[in-house]
PDB file of all heavy atoms in Angstrom:
ATOM      1  N   GLY A   1    -116.910  16.108 -62.197  1.00  0.00           N
ATOM      2  CA  GLY A   1    -116.204  14.836 -62.241  1.00  0.00           C
ATOM      3  C   GLY A   1    -117.102  13.652 -62.547  1.00  0.00           C
ATOM      4  O   GLY A   1    -116.669  12.685 -63.181  1.00  0.00           O
ATOM      5  N   PHE A   2    -118.345  13.706 -62.109  1.00  0.00           N
ATOM      6  CA  PHE A   2    -119.292  12.624 -62.405  1.00  0.00           C
ATOM      7  C   PHE A   2    -119.498  12.491 -63.919  1.00  0.00           C
ATOM      8  O   PHE A   2    -119.464  11.392 -64.469  1.00  0.00           O
ATOM      9  CB  PHE A   2    -120.644  12.889 -61.737  1.00  0.00           C
ATOM     10  CG  PHE A   2    -120.622  12.811 -60.241  1.00  0.00           C
ATOM     11  CD1 PHE A   2    -121.387  13.693 -59.477  1.00  0.00           C
ATOM     12  CD2 PHE A   2    -119.864  11.854 -59.576  1.00  0.00           C
ATOM     13  CE1 PHE A   2    -121.381  13.618 -58.093  1.00  0.00           C
ATOM     14  CE2 PHE A   2    -119.857  11.780 -58.196  1.00  0.00           C
ATOM     15  CZ  PHE A   2    -120.624  12.663 -57.450  1.00  0.00           C
ATOM     16  N   SER A   3    -119.724  13.623 -64.581  1.00  0.00           N
ATOM     17  CA  SER A   3    -119.952  13.603 -66.025  1.00  0.00           C
ATOM     18  C   SER A   3    -118.713  13.118 -66.772  1.00  0.00           C
ATOM     19  O   SER A   3    -118.815  12.355 -67.744  1.00  0.00           O
ATOM     20  CB  SER A   3    -120.322  15.006 -66.521  1.00  0.00           C
ATOM     21  OG  SER A   3    -121.533  15.446 -65.951  1.00  0.00           O
ATOM     22  N   LEU A   4    -117.553  13.552 -66.298  1.00  0.00           N
ATOM     23  CA  LEU A   4    -116.310  13.129 -66.942  1.00  0.00           C
ATOM     24  C   LEU A   4    -116.092  11.624 -66.766  1.00  0.00           C
ATOM     25  O   LEU A   4    -115.660  10.937 -67.688  1.00  0.00           O
ATOM     26  CB  LEU A   4    -115.136  13.914 -66.357  1.00  0.00           C
ATOM     27  CG  LEU A   4    -113.787  13.759 -67.065  1.00  0.00           C
ATOM     28  CD1 LEU A   4    -113.909  14.116 -68.546  1.00  0.00           C
ATOM     29  CD2 LEU A   4    -112.726  14.625 -66.397  1.00  0.00           C
ATOM     30  N   CYS A   5    -116.418  11.126 -65.582  1.00  0.00           N
ATOM     31  CA  CYS A   5    -116.305   9.694 -65.313  1.00  0.00           C
ATOM     32  C   CYS A   5    -117.218   8.904 -66.253  1.00  0.00           C
ATOM     33  O   CYS A   5    -116.825   7.864 -66.804  1.00  0.00           O
ATOM     34  CB  CYS A   5    -116.653   9.400 -63.856  1.00  0.00           C
ATOM     35  SG  CYS A   5    -116.517   7.650 -63.394  1.00  0.00           S
ATOM     36  N   GLN A   6    -118.431   9.397 -66.448  1.00  0.00           N
ATOM     37  CA  GLN A   6    -119.379   8.744 -67.365  1.00  0.00           C
ATOM     38  C   GLN A   6    -118.826   8.691 -68.786  1.00  0.00           C
ATOM     39  O   GLN A   6    -118.945   7.669 -69.472  1.00  0.00           O
ATOM     40  CB  GLN A   6    -120.711   9.484 -67.369  1.00  0.00           C
ATOM     41  CG  GLN A   6    -121.639   9.121 -66.222  1.00  0.00           C
ATOM     42  CD  GLN A   6    -122.980   9.816 -66.363  1.00  0.00           C
ATOM     43  OE1 GLN A   6    -123.058  11.039 -66.359  1.00  0.00           O
ATOM     44  NE2 GLN A   6    -124.031   9.030 -66.490  1.00  0.00           N
ATOM     45  N   LYS A   7    -118.226   9.788 -69.237  1.00  0.00           N
ATOM     46  CA  LYS A   7    -117.664   9.833 -70.584  1.00  0.00           C
ATOM     47  C   LYS A   7    -116.515   8.835 -70.724  1.00  0.00           C
ATOM     48  O   LYS A   7    -116.368   8.168 -71.757  1.00  0.00           O
ATOM     49  CB  LYS A   7    -117.187  11.253 -70.908  1.00  0.00           C
ATOM     50  CG  LYS A   7    -118.303  12.276 -71.067  1.00  0.00           C
ATOM     51  CD  LYS A   7    -117.766  13.647 -71.370  1.00  0.00           C
ATOM     52  CE  LYS A   7    -118.879  14.685 -71.458  1.00  0.00           C
ATOM     53  NZ  LYS A   7    -119.811  14.425 -72.562  1.00  0.00           N
ATOM     54  N   ILE A   8    -115.707   8.724 -69.682  1.00  0.00           N
ATOM     55  CA  ILE A   8    -114.601   7.767 -69.708  1.00  0.00           C
ATOM     56  C   ILE A   8    -115.137   6.338 -69.787  1.00  0.00           C
ATOM     57  O   ILE A   8    -114.710   5.526 -70.610  1.00  0.00           O
ATOM     58  CB  ILE A   8    -113.698   7.935 -68.467  1.00  0.00           C
ATOM     59  CG1 ILE A   8    -112.906   9.246 -68.560  1.00  0.00           C
ATOM     60  CG2 ILE A   8    -112.749   6.746 -68.306  1.00  0.00           C
ATOM     61  CD1 ILE A   8    -112.137   9.606 -67.308  1.00  0.00           C
ATOM     62  N   ARG A   9    -116.110   6.035 -68.935  1.00  0.00           N
ATOM     63  CA  ARG A   9    -116.638   4.670 -68.860  1.00  0.00           C
ATOM     64  C   ARG A   9    -117.403   4.252 -70.122  1.00  0.00           C
ATOM     65  O   ARG A   9    -117.568   3.078 -70.379  1.00  0.00           O
ATOM     66  CB  ARG A   9    -117.534   4.513 -67.638  1.00  0.00           C
ATOM     67  CG  ARG A   9    -116.771   4.239 -66.372  1.00  0.00           C
ATOM     68  CD  ARG A   9    -116.088   2.856 -66.418  1.00  0.00           C
ATOM     69  NE  ARG A   9    -115.102   2.748 -65.341  1.00  0.00           N
ATOM     70  CZ  ARG A   9    -113.796   2.873 -65.510  1.00  0.00           C
ATOM     71  NH1 ARG A   9    -113.306   3.104 -66.715  1.00  0.00           N
ATOM     72  NH2 ARG A   9    -112.967   2.751 -64.506  1.00  0.00           N
ATOM     73  N   ALA A  10    -117.822   5.225 -70.921  1.00  0.00           N
ATOM     74  CA  ALA A  10    -118.516   4.892 -72.164  1.00  0.00           C
ATOM     75  C   ALA A  10    -117.581   4.220 -73.165  1.00  0.00           C
ATOM     76  O   ALA A  10    -118.025   3.492 -74.050  1.00  0.00           O
ATOM     77  CB  ALA A  10    -119.119   6.147 -72.780  1.00  0.00           C
ATOM     78  N   GLN A  11    -116.245   4.440 -72.995  1.00  0.00           N
ATOM     79  CA  GLN A  11    -115.297   3.897 -73.968  1.00  0.00           C
ATOM     80  C   GLN A  11    -114.108   3.157 -73.363  1.00  0.00           C
ATOM     81  O   GLN A  11    -113.516   2.311 -74.034  1.00  0.00           O
ATOM     82  CB  GLN A  11    -114.730   5.035 -74.830  1.00  0.00           C
ATOM     83  CG  GLN A  11    -115.748   5.788 -75.663  1.00  0.00           C
ATOM     84  CD  GLN A  11    -115.073   6.842 -76.511  1.00  0.00           C
ATOM     85  OE1 GLN A  11    -114.273   6.533 -77.390  1.00  0.00           O
ATOM     86  NE2 GLN A  11    -115.386   8.105 -76.243  1.00  0.00           N
ATOM     87  N   TYR A  12    -113.756   3.466 -72.109  1.00  0.00           N
ATOM     88  CA  TYR A  12    -112.486   2.964 -71.571  1.00  0.00           C
ATOM     89  C   TYR A  12    -112.680   2.208 -70.251  1.00  0.00           C
ATOM     90  O   TYR A  12    -113.651   2.444 -69.524  1.00  0.00           O
ATOM     91  CB  TYR A  12    -111.504   4.130 -71.354  1.00  0.00           C
ATOM     92  CG  TYR A  12    -111.316   4.991 -72.579  1.00  0.00           C
ATOM     93  CD1 TYR A  12    -111.971   6.214 -72.694  1.00  0.00           C
ATOM     94  CD2 TYR A  12    -110.502   4.569 -73.631  1.00  0.00           C
ATOM     95  CE1 TYR A  12    -111.809   7.012 -73.828  1.00  0.00           C
ATOM     96  CE2 TYR A  12    -110.341   5.355 -74.768  1.00  0.00           C
ATOM     97  CZ  TYR A  12    -110.999   6.572 -74.857  1.00  0.00           C
ATOM     98  OH  TYR A  12    -110.847   7.345 -75.964  1.00  0.00           O
ATOM     99  N   THR A  13    -111.714   1.323 -69.956  1.00  0.00           N
ATOM    100  CA  THR A  13    -111.797   0.523 -68.724  1.00  0.00           C
ATOM    101  C   THR A  13    -110.698   0.861 -67.719  1.00  0.00           C
ATOM    102  O   THR A  13    -110.631   0.238 -66.662  1.00  0.00           O
ATOM    103  CB  THR A  13    -111.702  -0.979 -69.053  1.00  0.00           C
ATOM    104  OG1 THR A  13    -110.460  -1.246 -69.719  1.00  0.00           O
ATOM    105  CG2 THR A  13    -112.857  -1.423 -69.932  1.00  0.00           C
ATOM    106  N   PHE A  14    -109.820   1.838 -68.032  1.00  0.00           N
ATOM    107  CA  PHE A  14    -108.752   2.150 -67.075  1.00  0.00           C
ATOM    108  C   PHE A  14    -109.348   2.674 -65.759  1.00  0.00           C
ATOM    109  O   PHE A  14    -110.438   3.239 -65.743  1.00  0.00           O
ATOM    110  CB  PHE A  14    -107.734   3.139 -67.659  1.00  0.00           C
ATOM    111  CG  PHE A  14    -108.284   4.464 -68.106  1.00  0.00           C
ATOM    112  CD1 PHE A  14    -108.597   5.453 -67.195  1.00  0.00           C
ATOM    113  CD2 PHE A  14    -108.471   4.733 -69.463  1.00  0.00           C
ATOM    114  CE1 PHE A  14    -109.089   6.685 -67.601  1.00  0.00           C
ATOM    115  CE2 PHE A  14    -108.964   5.957 -69.890  1.00  0.00           C
ATOM    116  CZ  PHE A  14    -109.271   6.932 -68.961  1.00  0.00           C
ATOM    117  N   PRO A  15    -108.639   2.471 -64.641  1.00  0.00           N
ATOM    118  CA  PRO A  15    -109.180   2.853 -63.325  1.00  0.00           C
ATOM    119  C   PRO A  15    -109.430   4.349 -63.189  1.00  0.00           C
ATOM    120  O   PRO A  15    -108.689   5.172 -63.740  1.00  0.00           O
ATOM    121  CB  PRO A  15    -108.090   2.404 -62.346  1.00  0.00           C
ATOM    122  CG  PRO A  15    -107.258   1.428 -63.097  1.00  0.00           C
ATOM    123  CD  PRO A  15    -107.314   1.837 -64.529  1.00  0.00           C
ATOM    124  N   VAL A  16    -110.463   4.666 -62.421  1.00  0.00           N
ATOM    125  CA  VAL A  16    -110.805   6.057 -62.116  1.00  0.00           C
ATOM    126  C   VAL A  16    -110.900   6.209 -60.599  1.00  0.00           C
ATOM    127  O   VAL A  16    -111.616   5.458 -59.937  1.00  0.00           O
ATOM    128  CB  VAL A  16    -112.144   6.471 -62.750  1.00  0.00           C
ATOM    129  CG1 VAL A  16    -112.540   7.888 -62.308  1.00  0.00           C
ATOM    130  CG2 VAL A  16    -112.065   6.398 -64.271  1.00  0.00           C
ATOM    131  N   ILE A  17    -110.161   7.169 -60.061  1.00  0.00           N
ATOM    132  CA  ILE A  17    -110.229   7.500 -58.634  1.00  0.00           C
ATOM    133  C   ILE A  17    -110.874   8.877 -58.514  1.00  0.00           C
ATOM    134  O   ILE A  17    -110.427   9.840 -59.136  1.00  0.00           O
ATOM    135  CB  ILE A  17    -108.834   7.519 -57.986  1.00  0.00           C
ATOM    136  CG1 ILE A  17    -108.185   6.137 -58.074  1.00  0.00           C
ATOM    137  CG2 ILE A  17    -108.925   7.975 -56.521  1.00  0.00           C
ATOM    138  CD1 ILE A  17    -106.752   6.093 -57.550  1.00  0.00           C
ATOM    139  N   MET A  18    -111.941   8.960 -57.729  1.00  0.00           N
ATOM    140  CA  MET A  18    -112.640  10.228 -57.546  1.00  0.00           C
ATOM    141  C   MET A  18    -112.145  10.935 -56.280  1.00  0.00           C
ATOM    142  O   MET A  18    -111.903  10.287 -55.256  1.00  0.00           O
ATOM    143  CB  MET A  18    -114.146  10.008 -57.420  1.00  0.00           C
ATOM    144  CG  MET A  18    -114.788   9.235 -58.563  1.00  0.00           C
ATOM    145  SD  MET A  18    -114.729  10.079 -60.153  1.00  0.00           S
ATOM    146  CE  MET A  18    -115.827  11.482 -59.868  1.00  0.00           C
ATOM    147  N   LEU A  19    -112.017  12.249 -56.352  1.00  0.00           N
ATOM    148  CA  LEU A  19    -111.684  13.072 -55.185  1.00  0.00           C
ATOM    149  C   LEU A  19    -112.949  13.767 -54.702  1.00  0.00           C
ATOM    150  O   LEU A  19    -113.604  14.472 -55.475  1.00  0.00           O
ATOM    151  CB  LEU A  19    -110.630  14.118 -55.542  1.00  0.00           C
ATOM    152  CG  LEU A  19    -109.279  13.616 -56.057  1.00  0.00           C
ATOM    153  CD1 LEU A  19    -108.383  14.796 -56.390  1.00  0.00           C
ATOM    154  CD2 LEU A  19    -108.609  12.722 -55.029  1.00  0.00           C
ATOM    155  N   THR A  20    -113.311  13.551 -53.430  1.00  0.00           N
ATOM    156  CA  THR A  20    -114.505  14.187 -52.874  1.00  0.00           C
ATOM    157  C   THR A  20    -114.084  15.277 -51.898  1.00  0.00           C
ATOM    158  O   THR A  20    -113.214  15.059 -51.058  1.00  0.00           O
ATOM    159  CB  THR A  20    -115.409  13.169 -52.156  1.00  0.00           C
ATOM    160  OG1 THR A  20    -114.712  12.629 -51.028  1.00  0.00           O
ATOM    161  CG2 THR A  20    -115.789  12.032 -53.069  1.00  0.00           C
ATOM    162  N   ALA A  21    -114.706  16.447 -52.029  1.00  0.00           N
ATOM    163  CA  ALA A  21    -114.339  17.586 -51.178  1.00  0.00           C
ATOM    164  C   ALA A  21    -114.772  17.374 -49.740  1.00  0.00           C
ATOM    165  O   ALA A  21    -114.150  17.854 -48.814  1.00  0.00           O
ATOM    166  CB  ALA A  21    -114.945  18.867 -51.724  1.00  0.00           C
ATOM    167  N   LYS A  22    -115.872  16.638 -49.558  1.00  0.00           N
ATOM    168  CA  LYS A  22    -116.389  16.382 -48.218  1.00  0.00           C
ATOM    169  C   LYS A  22    -116.612  14.889 -48.060  1.00  0.00           C
ATOM    170  O   LYS A  22    -116.646  14.147 -49.031  1.00  0.00           O
ATOM    171  CB  LYS A  22    -117.711  17.125 -47.995  1.00  0.00           C
ATOM    172  CG  LYS A  22    -117.614  18.633 -48.110  1.00  0.00           C
ATOM    173  CD  LYS A  22    -118.993  19.264 -48.021  1.00  0.00           C
ATOM    174  CE  LYS A  22    -119.806  19.010 -49.271  1.00  0.00           C
ATOM    175  NZ  LYS A  22    -121.113  19.714 -49.265  1.00  0.00           N
ATOM    176  N   ASP A  23    -116.784  14.478 -46.832  1.00  0.00           N
ATOM    177  CA  ASP A  23    -117.040  13.064 -46.575  1.00  0.00           C
ATOM    178  C   ASP A  23    -118.520  12.777 -46.806  1.00  0.00           C
ATOM    179  O   ASP A  23    -119.256  12.385 -45.906  1.00  0.00           O
ATOM    180  CB  ASP A  23    -116.628  12.712 -45.140  1.00  0.00           C
ATOM    181  CG  ASP A  23    -116.560  11.205 -44.938  1.00  0.00           C
ATOM    182  OD1 ASP A  23    -116.609  10.477 -45.936  1.00  0.00           O
ATOM    183  OD2 ASP A  23    -116.459  10.772 -43.786  1.00  0.00           O
ATOM    184  N   GLU A  24    -118.962  13.027 -48.045  1.00  0.00           N
ATOM    185  CA  GLU A  24    -120.366  12.881 -48.395  1.00  0.00           C
ATOM    186  C   GLU A  24    -120.627  11.491 -48.943  1.00  0.00           C
ATOM    187  O   GLU A  24    -120.100  11.108 -49.987  1.00  0.00           O
ATOM    188  CB  GLU A  24    -120.767  13.927 -49.436  1.00  0.00           C
ATOM    189  CG  GLU A  24    -120.826  15.349 -48.903  1.00  0.00           C
ATOM    190  CD  GLU A  24    -122.053  15.609 -48.046  1.00  0.00           C
ATOM    191  OE1 GLU A  24    -122.928  14.723 -47.998  1.00  0.00           O
ATOM    192  OE2 GLU A  24    -122.131  16.683 -47.429  1.00  0.00           O
ATOM    193  N   GLU A  25    -121.450  10.731 -48.246  1.00  0.00           N
ATOM    194  CA  GLU A  25    -121.723   9.357 -48.657  1.00  0.00           C
ATOM    195  C   GLU A  25    -122.367   9.296 -50.045  1.00  0.00           C
ATOM    196  O   GLU A  25    -122.038   8.434 -50.857  1.00  0.00           O
ATOM    197  CB  GLU A  25    -122.647   8.688 -47.632  1.00  0.00           C
ATOM    198  CG  GLU A  25    -122.528   7.175 -47.588  1.00  0.00           C
ATOM    199  CD  GLU A  25    -121.182   6.710 -47.059  1.00  0.00           C
ATOM    200  OE1 GLU A  25    -120.428   7.519 -46.483  1.00  0.00           O
ATOM    201  OE2 GLU A  25    -120.868   5.533 -47.255  1.00  0.00           O
ATOM    202  N   ILE A  26    -123.256  10.251 -50.330  1.00  0.00           N
ATOM    203  CA  ILE A  26    -123.963  10.221 -51.610  1.00  0.00           C
ATOM    204  C   ILE A  26    -123.001  10.443 -52.763  1.00  0.00           C
ATOM    205  O   ILE A  26    -123.148   9.849 -53.839  1.00  0.00           O
ATOM    206  CB  ILE A  26    -125.110  11.271 -51.640  1.00  0.00           C
ATOM    207  CG1 ILE A  26    -125.960  11.094 -52.909  1.00  0.00           C
ATOM    208  CG2 ILE A  26    -124.562  12.680 -51.522  1.00  0.00           C
ATOM    209  CD1 ILE A  26    -126.674   9.787 -53.016  1.00  0.00           C
ATOM    210  N   ASP A  27    -121.982  11.291 -52.576  1.00  0.00           N
ATOM    211  CA  ASP A  27    -120.989  11.523 -53.624  1.00  0.00           C
ATOM    212  C   ASP A  27    -120.207  10.254 -53.911  1.00  0.00           C
ATOM    213  O   ASP A  27    -119.939   9.910 -55.069  1.00  0.00           O
ATOM    214  CB  ASP A  27    -120.013  12.636 -53.217  1.00  0.00           C
ATOM    215  CG  ASP A  27    -120.629  14.023 -53.362  1.00  0.00           C
ATOM    216  OD1 ASP A  27    -121.718  14.106 -53.963  1.00  0.00           O
ATOM    217  OD2 ASP A  27    -120.029  14.990 -52.881  1.00  0.00           O
ATOM    218  N   LYS A  28    -119.831   9.539 -52.852  1.00  0.00           N
ATOM    219  CA  LYS A  28    -119.079   8.296 -53.021  1.00  0.00           C
ATOM    220  C   LYS A  28    -119.907   7.264 -53.764  1.00  0.00           C
ATOM    221  O   LYS A  28    -119.439   6.616 -54.705  1.00  0.00           O
ATOM    222  CB  LYS A  28    -118.657   7.747 -51.653  1.00  0.00           C
ATOM    223  CG  LYS A  28    -117.722   8.664 -50.884  1.00  0.00           C
ATOM    224  CD  LYS A  28    -117.499   8.146 -49.481  1.00  0.00           C
ATOM    225  CE  LYS A  28    -116.630   9.094 -48.678  1.00  0.00           C
ATOM    226  NZ  LYS A  28    -116.468   8.648 -47.274  1.00  0.00           N
ATOM    227  N   ILE A  29    -121.149   7.109 -53.333  1.00  0.00           N
ATOM    228  CA  ILE A  29    -122.039   6.121 -53.955  1.00  0.00           C
ATOM    229  C   ILE A  29    -122.285   6.463 -55.420  1.00  0.00           C
ATOM    230  O   ILE A  29    -122.234   5.598 -56.294  1.00  0.00           O
ATOM    231  CB  ILE A  29    -123.377   6.038 -53.192  1.00  0.00           C
ATOM    232  CG1 ILE A  29    -123.133   5.424 -51.801  1.00  0.00           C
ATOM    233  CG2 ILE A  29    -124.393   5.212 -53.958  1.00  0.00           C
ATOM    234  CD1 ILE A  29    -124.337   5.484 -50.884  1.00  0.00           C
ATOM    235  N   THR A  30    -122.517   7.758 -55.705  1.00  0.00           N
ATOM    236  CA  THR A  30    -122.752   8.190 -57.081  1.00  0.00           C
ATOM    237  C   THR A  30    -121.544   7.902 -57.956  1.00  0.00           C
ATOM    238  O   THR A  30    -121.665   7.360 -59.059  1.00  0.00           O
ATOM    239  CB  THR A  30    -123.083   9.691 -57.135  1.00  0.00           C
ATOM    240  OG1 THR A  30    -124.240   9.951 -56.342  1.00  0.00           O
ATOM    241  CG2 THR A  30    -123.348  10.133 -58.570  1.00  0.00           C
ATOM    242  N   GLY A  31    -120.363   8.240 -57.461  1.00  0.00           N
ATOM    243  CA  GLY A  31    -119.136   8.016 -58.226  1.00  0.00           C
ATOM    244  C   GLY A  31    -118.913   6.545 -58.530  1.00  0.00           C
ATOM    245  O   GLY A  31    -118.597   6.169 -59.668  1.00  0.00           O
ATOM    246  N   LEU A  32    -119.079   5.692 -57.545  1.00  0.00           N
ATOM    247  CA  LEU A  32    -118.885   4.256 -57.737  1.00  0.00           C
ATOM    248  C   LEU A  32    -119.930   3.688 -58.684  1.00  0.00           C
ATOM    249  O   LEU A  32    -119.635   2.817 -59.511  1.00  0.00           O
ATOM    250  CB  LEU A  32    -118.939   3.534 -56.388  1.00  0.00           C
ATOM    251  CG  LEU A  32    -117.790   3.842 -55.424  1.00  0.00           C
ATOM    252  CD1 LEU A  32    -118.075   3.248 -54.056  1.00  0.00           C
ATOM    253  CD2 LEU A  32    -116.464   3.317 -55.961  1.00  0.00           C
ATOM    254  N   THR A  33    -121.153   4.172 -58.570  1.00  0.00           N
ATOM    255  CA  THR A  33    -122.225   3.694 -59.444  1.00  0.00           C
ATOM    256  C   THR A  33    -121.959   4.076 -60.895  1.00  0.00           C
ATOM    257  O   THR A  33    -122.301   3.322 -61.812  1.00  0.00           O
ATOM    258  CB  THR A  33    -123.581   4.267 -58.990  1.00  0.00           C
ATOM    259  OG1 THR A  33    -123.838   3.854 -57.645  1.00  0.00           O
ATOM    260  CG2 THR A  33    -124.715   3.773 -59.868  1.00  0.00           C
ATOM    261  N   LEU A  34    -121.345   5.220 -61.127  1.00  0.00           N
ATOM    262  CA  LEU A  34    -121.052   5.669 -62.491  1.00  0.00           C
ATOM    263  C   LEU A  34    -119.821   4.994 -63.076  1.00  0.00           C
ATOM    264  O   LEU A  34    -119.490   5.222 -64.236  1.00  0.00           O
ATOM    265  CB  LEU A  34    -120.853   7.193 -62.504  1.00  0.00           C
ATOM    266  CG  LEU A  34    -122.106   8.019 -62.210  1.00  0.00           C
ATOM    267  CD1 LEU A  34    -121.756   9.499 -62.131  1.00  0.00           C
ATOM    268  CD2 LEU A  34    -123.170   7.793 -63.275  1.00  0.00           C
ATOM    269  N   GLY A  35    -119.153   4.151 -62.267  1.00  0.00           N
ATOM    270  CA  GLY A  35    -118.030   3.394 -62.806  1.00  0.00           C
ATOM    271  C   GLY A  35    -116.674   3.711 -62.213  1.00  0.00           C
ATOM    272  O   GLY A  35    -115.662   3.159 -62.643  1.00  0.00           O
ATOM    273  N   ALA A  36    -116.615   4.608 -61.220  1.00  0.00           N
ATOM    274  CA  ALA A  36    -115.334   4.866 -60.559  1.00  0.00           C
ATOM    275  C   ALA A  36    -114.893   3.616 -59.798  1.00  0.00           C
ATOM    276  O   ALA A  36    -115.721   2.831 -59.343  1.00  0.00           O
ATOM    277  CB  ALA A  36    -115.461   6.056 -59.602  1.00  0.00           C
ATOM    278  N   ASP A  37    -113.587   3.444 -59.666  1.00  0.00           N
ATOM    279  CA  ASP A  37    -113.059   2.269 -58.981  1.00  0.00           C
ATOM    280  C   ASP A  37    -112.770   2.534 -57.515  1.00  0.00           C
ATOM    281  O   ASP A  37    -112.764   1.618 -56.698  1.00  0.00           O
ATOM    282  CB  ASP A  37    -111.776   1.802 -59.676  1.00  0.00           C
ATOM    283  CG  ASP A  37    -112.049   1.340 -61.095  1.00  0.00           C
ATOM    284  OD1 ASP A  37    -112.422   0.176 -61.269  1.00  0.00           O
ATOM    285  OD2 ASP A  37    -111.915   2.158 -62.023  1.00  0.00           O
ATOM    286  N   ASP A  38    -112.501   3.786 -57.178  1.00  0.00           N
ATOM    287  CA  ASP A  38    -112.166   4.119 -55.791  1.00  0.00           C
ATOM    288  C   ASP A  38    -112.403   5.606 -55.588  1.00  0.00           C
ATOM    289  O   ASP A  38    -112.615   6.364 -56.543  1.00  0.00           O
ATOM    290  CB  ASP A  38    -110.697   3.768 -55.519  1.00  0.00           C
ATOM    291  CG  ASP A  38    -110.394   3.580 -54.038  1.00  0.00           C
ATOM    292  OD1 ASP A  38    -111.337   3.721 -53.208  1.00  0.00           O
ATOM    293  OD2 ASP A  38    -109.240   3.287 -53.696  1.00  0.00           O
ATOM    294  N   TYR A  39    -112.385   6.032 -54.344  1.00  0.00           N
ATOM    295  CA  TYR A  39    -112.528   7.451 -54.026  1.00  0.00           C
ATOM    296  C   TYR A  39    -111.655   7.774 -52.832  1.00  0.00           C
ATOM    297  O   TYR A  39    -111.292   6.903 -52.051  1.00  0.00           O
ATOM    298  CB  TYR A  39    -113.985   7.812 -53.718  1.00  0.00           C
ATOM    299  CG  TYR A  39    -114.578   7.034 -52.566  1.00  0.00           C
ATOM    300  CD1 TYR A  39    -114.328   7.405 -51.239  1.00  0.00           C
ATOM    301  CD2 TYR A  39    -115.373   5.916 -52.807  1.00  0.00           C
ATOM    302  CE1 TYR A  39    -114.859   6.685 -50.186  1.00  0.00           C
ATOM    303  CE2 TYR A  39    -115.902   5.183 -51.755  1.00  0.00           C
ATOM    304  CZ  TYR A  39    -115.646   5.577 -50.450  1.00  0.00           C
ATOM    305  OH  TYR A  39    -116.161   4.843 -49.412  1.00  0.00           O
ATOM    306  N   ILE A  40    -111.287   9.023 -52.725  1.00  0.00           N
ATOM    307  CA  ILE A  40    -110.510   9.474 -51.577  1.00  0.00           C
ATOM    308  C   ILE A  40    -111.018  10.860 -51.189  1.00  0.00           C
ATOM    309  O   ILE A  40    -111.367  11.669 -52.051  1.00  0.00           O
ATOM    310  CB  ILE A  40    -108.998   9.485 -51.883  1.00  0.00           C
ATOM    311  CG1 ILE A  40    -108.172   9.690 -50.612  1.00  0.00           C
ATOM    312  CG2 ILE A  40    -108.648  10.513 -52.934  1.00  0.00           C
ATOM    313  CD1 ILE A  40    -106.711   9.337 -50.786  1.00  0.00           C
ATOM    314  N   THR A  41    -111.126  11.114 -49.896  1.00  0.00           N
ATOM    315  CA  THR A  41    -111.732  12.345 -49.392  1.00  0.00           C
ATOM    316  C   THR A  41    -110.680  13.416 -49.116  1.00  0.00           C
ATOM    317  O   THR A  41    -109.641  13.151 -48.524  1.00  0.00           O
ATOM    318  CB  THR A  41    -112.512  12.048 -48.099  1.00  0.00           C
ATOM    319  OG1 THR A  41    -113.455  11.017 -48.350  1.00  0.00           O
ATOM    320  CG2 THR A  41    -113.244  13.281 -47.613  1.00  0.00           C
ATOM    321  N   LYS A  42    -110.973  14.632 -49.560  1.00  0.00           N
ATOM    322  CA  LYS A  42    -110.126  15.784 -49.222  1.00  0.00           C
ATOM    323  C   LYS A  42    -110.440  16.253 -47.805  1.00  0.00           C
ATOM    324  O   LYS A  42    -111.614  16.221 -47.408  1.00  0.00           O
ATOM    325  CB  LYS A  42    -110.393  16.936 -50.197  1.00  0.00           C
ATOM    326  CG  LYS A  42    -110.016  16.668 -51.643  1.00  0.00           C
ATOM    327  CD  LYS A  42    -110.368  17.900 -52.481  1.00  0.00           C
ATOM    328  CE  LYS A  42    -110.077  17.707 -53.942  1.00  0.00           C
ATOM    329  NZ  LYS A  42    -110.419  18.893 -54.740  1.00  0.00           N
ATOM    330  N   PRO A  43    -109.458  16.730 -47.056  1.00  0.00           N
ATOM    331  CA  PRO A  43    -108.037  16.706 -47.397  1.00  0.00           C
ATOM    332  C   PRO A  43    -107.477  15.286 -47.269  1.00  0.00           C
ATOM    333  O   PRO A  43    -107.911  14.528 -46.403  1.00  0.00           O
ATOM    334  CB  PRO A  43    -107.415  17.644 -46.349  1.00  0.00           C
ATOM    335  CG  PRO A  43    -108.328  17.552 -45.175  1.00  0.00           C
ATOM    336  CD  PRO A  43    -109.709  17.363 -45.738  1.00  0.00           C
TER     337      PRO A  43
END
């Protein structure tokens, strides 16, 4: 998902919400840094 988010942000500005399998802080930070707008933790 990180790589896909990067590809999206290279051309588009529509919102991206990331789904994280665990409550991992590093995953959230990485996703937001790559251009995601929000994240939600599974389940």
